[in-house]
Protein backbone atom coordinates (compact mmCIF):
# COMPACT_ATOMS: atom_id res chain seq x y z
CA UNK A 1 -15.70 10.26 1.62
CA UNK A 2 -18.86 9.36 2.53
CA UNK A 3 -18.76 5.75 0.83
CA UNK A 4 -16.50 3.58 -1.55
CA UNK A 5 -17.56 1.52 -4.25
CA UNK A 6 -16.55 -2.32 -3.23
CA UNK A 7 -13.57 -2.48 -6.51
CA UNK A 8 -12.86 1.07 -5.78
CA UNK A 9 -11.29 0.71 -1.88
CA UNK A 10 -9.70 -2.26 -3.26
CA UNK A 11 -7.93 -0.05 -5.99
CA UNK A 12 -7.07 2.57 -3.15
CA UNK A 13 -5.18 0.03 -0.82
CA UNK A 14 -3.40 -2.25 -3.71
CA UNK A 15 -2.02 1.34 -4.86
CA UNK A 16 -1.31 1.86 -0.77
CA UNK A 17 -3.84 4.56 -0.51
CA UNK A 18 -5.77 5.06 2.59
CA UNK A 19 -9.99 4.55 1.88
CA UNK A 20 -11.38 6.92 5.24
CA UNK A 21 -14.88 7.25 5.37
CA UNK A 22 -17.08 9.30 7.73
CA UNK A 23 -18.96 7.93 10.58
CA UNK A 24 -23.01 7.39 9.62
CA UNK A 25 -24.98 10.46 9.36
CA UNK A 26 -21.89 12.78 8.99
CA UNK A 27 -20.85 14.53 5.08
CA UNK A 28 -18.65 16.67 3.86
CA UNK A 29 -21.97 19.16 4.22
CA UNK A 30 -22.70 18.36 7.28
CA UNK A 31 -19.15 19.79 8.44
CA UNK A 32 -19.37 22.62 6.47
CA UNK A 33 -16.27 21.28 3.90
CA UNK A 34 -15.45 23.64 1.02
CA UNK A 35 -12.04 22.18 -0.11
CA UNK A 36 -9.99 24.43 1.48
CA UNK A 37 -9.05 22.74 4.07
CA UNK A 38 -6.09 21.27 5.87
CA UNK A 39 -6.45 17.52 7.14
CA UNK A 40 -4.20 15.82 9.84
CA UNK A 41 -4.84 12.33 10.34
CA UNK A 42 -3.72 11.33 13.83
CA UNK A 43 -3.31 7.74 15.23
CA UNK A 44 -1.58 6.41 12.09
CA UNK A 45 2.56 6.58 13.28
CA UNK A 46 1.13 3.72 16.38
CA UNK A 47 0.07 1.14 13.83
CA UNK A 48 -3.46 0.29 11.99
CA UNK A 49 -6.26 -2.47 12.47
CA UNK A 50 -8.59 -3.03 9.91
CA UNK A 51 -12.43 -0.56 10.27
CA UNK A 52 -10.12 1.03 12.85
CA UNK A 53 -11.73 4.46 13.93
CA UNK A 54 -9.31 7.59 13.50
CA UNK A 55 -9.42 11.13 14.49
CA UNK A 56 -9.03 13.99 11.64
CA UNK A 57 -8.35 18.01 12.56
CA UNK A 58 -9.85 19.56 10.36
CA UNK A 59 -8.64 23.28 9.97
CA UNK A 60 -10.66 25.71 8.10
CA UNK A 61 -10.13 28.63 5.66
CA UNK A 62 -11.46 30.37 8.91
CA UNK A 63 -8.76 28.83 11.39
CA UNK A 64 -11.36 26.95 13.06
CA UNK A 65 -10.53 23.72 13.83
CA UNK A 66 -12.48 20.59 14.37
CA UNK A 67 -11.74 16.91 15.52
CA UNK A 68 -13.52 14.42 13.14
CA UNK A 69 -13.42 10.73 13.67
CA UNK A 70 -12.90 8.67 10.17
CA UNK A 71 -13.41 5.05 9.62
CA UNK A 72 -10.47 3.46 8.04
CA UNK A 73 -12.21 1.13 5.71
CA UNK A 74 -9.04 -1.68 5.56
CA UNK A 75 -11.57 -4.44 6.19
CA UNK A 76 -9.12 -6.94 6.13
CA UNK A 77 -5.23 -7.89 7.68
CA UNK A 78 -4.53 -9.41 3.91
CA UNK A 79 -5.61 -5.63 3.03
CA UNK A 80 -3.64 -3.92 5.68
CA UNK A 81 -0.66 -6.10 5.19
CA UNK A 82 -0.91 -4.50 1.06
CA UNK A 83 -1.31 -1.05 3.04
CA UNK A 84 1.57 -1.32 5.19
CA UNK A 85 3.83 -2.40 2.26
CA UNK A 86 2.78 0.26 0.15
CA UNK A 87 0.38 -1.71 -2.06
CA UNK A 88 0.33 -4.81 -3.46
CA UNK A 89 2.98 -4.40 -6.12
CA UNK A 90 5.29 -3.75 -3.29
CA UNK A 91 4.06 -6.46 -1.25
CA UNK A 92 4.55 -9.26 -3.64
CA UNK A 93 7.96 -7.97 -4.75
CA UNK A 94 9.60 -8.21 -1.15
CA UNK A 95 7.64 -11.93 -0.61
CA UNK A 96 9.64 -12.79 -4.02
CA UNK A 97 12.42 -11.07 -2.68
CA UNK A 98 12.98 -13.02 0.70
């Protein structure tokens, strides 16, 4: 995405979805994306931190590959905890069960 409304970004994290945005000046148009691409994220398995930059390997329909930096829009440690638990519901249930 190029940006998120604050509440939408929070809702994504609350559902366990990782919100990512292009760096300023980059857009799907500037990259020539059309929706047929395969995107592979690197750097997630080693753990995330708020506002971390991740690398996306984008494979175009033509087979060409591009490395594109994306900014993780998890902005706080609390949001990171929710995401790492699969969303806020899973986070709360795990806390209640402990």
